[in-house]
Protein backbone atom coordinates (compact mmCIF):
# COMPACT_ATOMS: atom_id res chain seq x y z
CA UNK A 1 -4.24 3.72 -2.70
CA UNK A 2 -7.93 2.82 -2.73
CA UNK A 3 -8.44 -0.73 -3.90
CA UNK A 4 -11.00 -3.41 -3.34
CA UNK A 5 -10.34 -5.89 -0.57
CA UNK A 6 -8.38 -8.91 -1.70
CA UNK A 7 -8.16 -12.10 0.31
CA UNK A 8 -4.87 -13.84 1.08
CA UNK A 9 -5.85 -16.90 -1.06
CA UNK A 10 -6.60 -14.54 -3.98
CA UNK A 11 -3.18 -12.90 -3.59
CA UNK A 12 -1.47 -16.29 -3.49
CA UNK A 13 -3.23 -17.24 -6.72
CA UNK A 14 -2.37 -13.95 -8.45
CA UNK A 15 1.31 -14.22 -7.48
CA UNK A 16 1.68 -18.01 -7.68
CA UNK A 17 4.25 -17.82 -10.50
CA UNK A 18 6.25 -15.10 -8.75
CA UNK A 19 6.29 -17.03 -5.48
CA UNK A 20 7.25 -20.24 -7.26
CA UNK A 21 10.21 -18.60 -9.02
CA UNK A 22 11.56 -16.35 -6.24
CA UNK A 23 14.13 -18.26 -4.19
CA UNK A 24 14.09 -15.72 -1.34
CA UNK A 25 10.37 -15.63 -0.51
CA UNK A 26 8.07 -18.27 0.94
CA UNK A 27 4.55 -18.05 2.30
CA UNK A 28 3.47 -20.80 4.65
CA UNK A 29 0.24 -21.66 6.44
CA UNK A 30 0.71 -22.92 9.98
CA UNK A 31 -1.84 -24.37 12.40
CA UNK A 32 -0.85 -22.16 15.30
CA UNK A 33 0.43 -18.96 13.70
CA UNK A 34 -1.66 -18.61 10.57
CA UNK A 35 -0.10 -17.38 7.35
CA UNK A 36 3.55 -16.36 7.61
CA UNK A 37 5.69 -14.59 5.02
CA UNK A 38 9.33 -15.72 5.10
CA UNK A 39 12.03 -13.69 3.40
CA UNK A 40 15.69 -14.67 3.12
CA UNK A 41 17.62 -11.40 3.32
CA UNK A 42 21.06 -13.07 3.31
CA UNK A 43 21.24 -12.52 -0.49
CA UNK A 44 23.43 -15.59 -0.86
CA UNK A 45 20.62 -18.07 -0.18
CA UNK A 46 22.42 -19.29 2.95
CA UNK A 47 19.17 -18.93 4.93
CA UNK A 48 21.20 -17.40 7.76
CA UNK A 49 19.00 -14.29 7.86
CA UNK A 50 15.32 -15.10 7.50
CA UNK A 51 12.62 -12.62 8.38
CA UNK A 52 9.25 -14.01 9.42
CA UNK A 53 6.22 -11.76 9.23
CA UNK A 54 2.62 -12.67 10.01
CA UNK A 55 0.20 -12.04 7.14
CA UNK A 56 -3.21 -10.86 8.24
CA UNK A 57 -4.35 -8.74 5.30
CA UNK A 58 -4.50 -9.64 1.62
CA UNK A 59 -4.20 -6.02 0.46
CA UNK A 60 -0.96 -5.46 2.38
CA UNK A 61 0.46 -8.74 1.09
CA UNK A 62 -0.52 -7.82 -2.48
CA UNK A 63 1.18 -4.42 -2.26
CA UNK A 64 4.33 -5.96 -0.79
CA UNK A 65 4.60 -8.73 -3.40
CA UNK A 66 3.83 -6.35 -6.25
CA UNK A 67 6.48 -3.92 -5.06
CA UNK A 68 9.01 -6.76 -4.81
CA UNK A 69 8.17 -7.82 -8.34
CA UNK A 70 8.55 -4.24 -9.57
CA UNK A 71 11.97 -4.10 -7.91
CA UNK A 72 12.96 -7.40 -9.53
CA UNK A 73 11.96 -6.03 -12.94
CA UNK A 74 13.89 -2.83 -12.25
CA UNK A 75 16.94 -4.79 -11.08
CA UNK A 76 16.84 -7.02 -14.18
CA UNK A 77 17.18 -3.88 -16.30
CA UNK A 78 19.57 -1.74 -14.22
CA UNK A 79 21.46 -4.31 -12.10
CA UNK A 80 21.13 -1.77 -9.23
CA UNK A 81 23.54 0.64 -10.90
CA UNK A 82 21.05 3.47 -10.52
CA UNK A 83 18.60 4.51 -7.83
CA UNK A 84 14.94 4.17 -8.89
CA UNK A 85 14.45 7.93 -8.30
CA UNK A 86 17.21 8.67 -10.83
CA UNK A 87 15.83 6.39 -13.54
CA UNK A 88 15.47 7.67 -17.06
CA UNK A 89 12.19 7.48 -18.97
CA UNK A 90 13.31 4.47 -21.00
CA UNK A 91 13.94 2.44 -17.84
CA UNK A 92 10.56 3.43 -16.42
CA UNK A 93 8.88 2.46 -19.68
CA UNK A 94 10.61 -0.94 -19.73
CA UNK A 95 9.65 -1.69 -16.11
CA UNK A 96 6.03 -0.70 -16.80
CA UNK A 97 5.99 -3.01 -19.81
CA UNK A 98 7.34 -5.91 -17.71
CA UNK A 99 4.63 -5.29 -15.10
CA UNK A 100 1.69 -5.28 -17.55
CA UNK A 101 1.13 -9.02 -17.18
CA UNK A 102 0.68 -8.65 -13.41
CA UNK A 103 -1.46 -5.52 -13.66
CA UNK A 104 -3.91 -7.48 -15.80
CA UNK A 105 -4.39 -9.88 -12.88
CA UNK A 106 -4.67 -7.25 -10.15
CA UNK A 107 -7.84 -5.46 -9.11
CA UNK A 108 -8.24 -1.88 -10.30
CA UNK A 109 -6.28 0.70 -8.35
CA UNK A 110 -2.76 -0.69 -8.49
CA UNK A 111 -1.75 1.00 -11.74
CA UNK A 112 -0.05 3.88 -9.92
CA UNK A 113 2.16 1.61 -7.79
CA UNK A 114 4.64 1.22 -10.64
CA UNK A 115 4.96 5.01 -10.98
CA UNK A 116 5.19 5.35 -7.18
CA UNK A 117 8.17 2.97 -7.17
CA UNK A 118 10.22 5.59 -9.01
CA UNK A 119 9.19 8.42 -6.68
CA UNK A 120 9.97 6.89 -3.25
């Protein structure tokens, strides 16, 4: 995917609402380690399984957060009862509609990421 370079602060601004509302994701700025992405993978919010990943590139962070948001939209529709690759056209259309608000904020070039979600 060829997209313009996006800084980490720009990504944080674009996804501020998503980050505020997602209980399993946190991005922190530290003095010694820079920007760190924290993800609670325990699924029960116990914080027993937290992944910490350094963030050095805004484009990679943008793609990751956008993909997570696409998955959240997909899950809100299907409740994980179907694999994304086996989704019907109506589900794909509904997910695309839910992602329009974010696509309006993203730089050009990310439009295909929603379609790619259903191919992987």
